[in-house]
Amino acid sequence: MFDVIPPGKQPNISESALLLFDRAMRMRAISVDIVRAAQYLNGYSDQELSELGINRSDIEDTIQRYI
């Protein structure tokens, strides 16, 4: 987009828009890590999850929410 706009005539991009975009990209990157962690934990037995204080349904809900 910016390649076709001559230098000096580029629209001012508000700082809040850039911050919002940056935050969205970070959240997207984090969501991939959350899904990986949930999938890893999903391999644990119910007993192991119980010892960690995690319900299998919470893991499955998390995977569905972030996919």
N, C-alpha and C. Protein backbone atom coordinates (compact mmCIF):
# COMPACT_ATOMS: atom_id res chain seq x y z
N MET A 1 0.81 -1.19 0.00
CA MET A 1 0.00 0.00 0.00
C MET A 1 0.85 1.25 0.00
N PHE A 2 1.86 1.30 0.86
CA PHE A 2 2.65 2.51 0.97
C PHE A 2 3.61 2.69 -0.20
N ASP A 3 3.85 1.65 -0.98
CA ASP A 3 4.76 1.76 -2.11
C ASP A 3 4.21 2.66 -3.22
N VAL A 4 2.91 2.77 -3.33
CA VAL A 4 2.31 3.57 -4.41
C VAL A 4 2.03 5.00 -3.99
N ILE A 5 2.20 5.32 -2.73
CA ILE A 5 1.99 6.68 -2.26
C ILE A 5 3.34 7.39 -2.24
N PRO A 6 3.46 8.52 -2.94
CA PRO A 6 4.74 9.22 -2.96
C PRO A 6 5.19 9.61 -1.56
N PRO A 7 6.51 9.56 -1.32
CA PRO A 7 7.02 9.97 -0.01
C PRO A 7 6.58 11.40 0.31
N GLY A 8 6.29 11.63 1.55
CA GLY A 8 5.86 12.95 1.98
C GLY A 8 4.35 13.15 1.88
N LYS A 9 3.68 12.28 1.15
CA LYS A 9 2.23 12.38 1.02
C LYS A 9 1.53 11.19 1.67
N GLN A 10 2.29 10.45 2.43
CA GLN A 10 1.70 9.31 3.11
C GLN A 10 0.77 9.80 4.22
N PRO A 11 -0.36 9.15 4.37
CA PRO A 11 -1.28 9.58 5.44
C PRO A 11 -0.65 9.32 6.81
N ASN A 12 -1.00 10.15 7.76
CA ASN A 12 -0.52 9.94 9.13
C ASN A 12 -1.28 8.78 9.73
N ILE A 13 -0.55 7.81 10.20
CA ILE A 13 -1.17 6.66 10.86
C ILE A 13 -1.15 6.96 12.35
N SER A 14 -2.29 6.87 12.96
CA SER A 14 -2.35 7.20 14.38
C SER A 14 -1.58 6.17 15.19
N GLU A 15 -1.01 6.66 16.24
CA GLU A 15 -0.21 5.80 17.11
C GLU A 15 -1.08 4.71 17.73
N SER A 16 -2.33 5.04 18.03
CA SER A 16 -3.21 4.04 18.65
C SER A 16 -3.51 2.91 17.68
N ALA A 17 -3.63 3.20 16.38
CA ALA A 17 -3.87 2.15 15.39
C ALA A 17 -2.67 1.22 15.32
N LEU A 18 -1.48 1.77 15.36
CA LEU A 18 -0.27 0.94 15.33
C LEU A 18 -0.17 0.08 16.58
N LEU A 19 -0.50 0.66 17.72
CA LEU A 19 -0.46 -0.11 18.96
C LEU A 19 -1.50 -1.22 18.95
N LEU A 20 -2.68 -0.93 18.42
CA LEU A 20 -3.72 -1.94 18.33
C LEU A 20 -3.30 -3.07 17.41
N PHE A 21 -2.72 -2.74 16.28
CA PHE A 21 -2.23 -3.76 15.35
C PHE A 21 -1.14 -4.61 16.00
N ASP A 22 -0.21 -3.97 16.68
CA ASP A 22 0.87 -4.68 17.36
C ASP A 22 0.30 -5.64 18.41
N ARG A 23 -0.67 -5.16 19.16
CA ARG A 23 -1.28 -6.00 20.19
C ARG A 23 -1.99 -7.20 19.56
N ALA A 24 -2.70 -6.97 18.46
CA ALA A 24 -3.39 -8.07 17.79
C ALA A 24 -2.41 -9.12 17.30
N MET A 25 -1.29 -8.68 16.75
CA MET A 25 -0.29 -9.63 16.26
C MET A 25 0.33 -10.42 17.41
N ARG A 26 0.55 -9.77 18.53
CA ARG A 26 1.10 -10.49 19.69
C ARG A 26 0.09 -11.50 20.22
N MET A 27 -1.18 -11.10 20.25
CA MET A 27 -2.22 -12.03 20.72
C MET A 27 -2.31 -13.24 19.80
N ARG A 28 -2.17 -13.01 18.51
CA ARG A 28 -2.22 -14.11 17.55
C ARG A 28 -1.06 -15.07 17.80
N ALA A 29 0.12 -14.53 18.04
CA ALA A 29 1.29 -15.37 18.31
C ALA A 29 1.11 -16.13 19.62
N ILE A 30 0.54 -15.47 20.61
CA ILE A 30 0.31 -16.12 21.89
C ILE A 30 -0.72 -17.24 21.76
N SER A 31 -1.74 -17.03 20.94
CA SER A 31 -2.78 -18.04 20.81
C SER A 31 -2.22 -19.35 20.25
N VAL A 32 -1.25 -19.26 19.36
CA VAL A 32 -0.60 -20.47 18.83
C VAL A 32 0.10 -21.21 19.97
N ASP A 33 0.78 -20.48 20.83
CA ASP A 33 1.47 -21.10 21.97
C ASP A 33 0.47 -21.72 22.94
N ILE A 34 -0.66 -21.06 23.13
CA ILE A 34 -1.69 -21.59 24.03
C ILE A 34 -2.23 -22.91 23.50
N VAL A 35 -2.51 -22.97 22.21
CA VAL A 35 -3.02 -24.21 21.61
C VAL A 35 -1.99 -25.32 21.73
N ARG A 36 -0.73 -25.01 21.47
CA ARG A 36 0.32 -26.04 21.59
C ARG A 36 0.40 -26.57 23.01
N ALA A 37 0.36 -25.67 23.98
CA ALA A 37 0.43 -26.09 25.38
C ALA A 37 -0.79 -26.94 25.75
N ALA A 38 -1.96 -26.52 25.29
CA ALA A 38 -3.18 -27.27 25.60
C ALA A 38 -3.13 -28.65 24.95
N GLN A 39 -2.65 -28.73 23.72
CA GLN A 39 -2.53 -30.03 23.05
C GLN A 39 -1.54 -30.92 23.78
N TYR A 40 -0.47 -30.34 24.27
CA TYR A 40 0.52 -31.11 25.04
C TYR A 40 -0.12 -31.66 26.32
N LEU A 41 -0.83 -30.78 27.03
CA LEU A 41 -1.48 -31.21 28.26
C LEU A 41 -2.58 -32.23 28.00
N ASN A 42 -3.19 -32.16 26.85
CA ASN A 42 -4.26 -33.10 26.51
C ASN A 42 -3.73 -34.53 26.44
N GLY A 43 -2.44 -34.69 26.28
CA GLY A 43 -1.82 -36.01 26.26
C GLY A 43 -1.67 -36.62 27.64
N TYR A 44 -1.86 -35.83 28.67
CA TYR A 44 -1.76 -36.34 30.04
C TYR A 44 -2.99 -37.17 30.38
N SER A 45 -2.81 -38.08 31.30
CA SER A 45 -3.95 -38.87 31.77
C SER A 45 -4.84 -37.98 32.64
N ASP A 46 -6.07 -38.44 32.86
CA ASP A 46 -6.98 -37.68 33.73
C ASP A 46 -6.41 -37.54 35.14
N GLN A 47 -5.73 -38.57 35.60
CA GLN A 47 -5.12 -38.54 36.93
C GLN A 47 -4.03 -37.48 37.00
N GLU A 48 -3.18 -37.44 35.99
CA GLU A 48 -2.10 -36.44 35.97
C GLU A 48 -2.67 -35.02 35.91
N LEU A 49 -3.70 -34.84 35.09
CA LEU A 49 -4.33 -33.51 35.01
C LEU A 49 -4.96 -33.13 36.34
N SER A 50 -5.59 -34.09 36.98
CA SER A 50 -6.20 -33.83 38.28
C SER A 50 -5.16 -33.39 39.30
N GLU A 51 -4.00 -34.02 39.28
CA GLU A 51 -2.92 -33.64 40.19
C GLU A 51 -2.43 -32.21 39.93
N LEU A 52 -2.55 -31.77 38.66
CA LEU A 52 -2.16 -30.40 38.31
C LEU A 52 -3.29 -29.41 38.54
N GLY A 53 -4.48 -29.92 38.86
CA GLY A 53 -5.63 -29.04 39.09
C GLY A 53 -6.27 -28.56 37.80
N ILE A 54 -6.16 -29.38 36.75
CA ILE A 54 -6.71 -29.00 35.44
C ILE A 54 -7.78 -30.01 35.04
N ASN A 55 -8.89 -29.50 34.54
CA ASN A 55 -9.94 -30.36 34.01
C ASN A 55 -9.73 -30.55 32.51
N ARG A 56 -9.93 -31.77 32.04
CA ARG A 56 -9.78 -32.05 30.61
C ARG A 56 -10.73 -31.18 29.78
N SER A 57 -11.92 -30.93 30.29
CA SER A 57 -12.88 -30.11 29.54
C SER A 57 -12.35 -28.68 29.36
N ASP A 58 -11.60 -28.17 30.34
CA ASP A 58 -11.00 -26.85 30.19
C ASP A 58 -9.97 -26.83 29.07
N ILE A 59 -9.22 -27.90 28.96
CA ILE A 59 -8.22 -28.00 27.89
C ILE A 59 -8.91 -28.03 26.53
N GLU A 60 -9.93 -28.87 26.42
CA GLU A 60 -10.65 -28.98 25.15
C GLU A 60 -11.33 -27.66 24.78
N ASP A 61 -11.90 -26.97 25.77
CA ASP A 61 -12.52 -25.66 25.52
C ASP A 61 -11.49 -24.65 25.04
N THR A 62 -10.32 -24.68 25.65
CA THR A 62 -9.24 -23.76 25.27
C THR A 62 -8.79 -24.01 23.84
N ILE A 63 -8.62 -25.27 23.49
CA ILE A 63 -8.20 -25.60 22.13
C ILE A 63 -9.25 -25.10 21.13
N GLN A 64 -10.51 -25.35 21.40
CA GLN A 64 -11.58 -24.91 20.49
C GLN A 64 -11.65 -23.38 20.40
N ARG A 65 -11.43 -22.70 21.50
CA ARG A 65 -11.52 -21.23 21.52
C ARG A 65 -10.43 -20.59 20.67
N TYR A 66 -9.23 -21.15 20.69
CA TYR A 66 -8.11 -20.52 20.01
C TYR A 66 -7.81 -21.07 18.62
N ILE A 67 -8.54 -22.09 18.19
CA ILE A 67 -8.29 -22.63 16.84
C ILE A 67 -9.08 -21.84 15.83
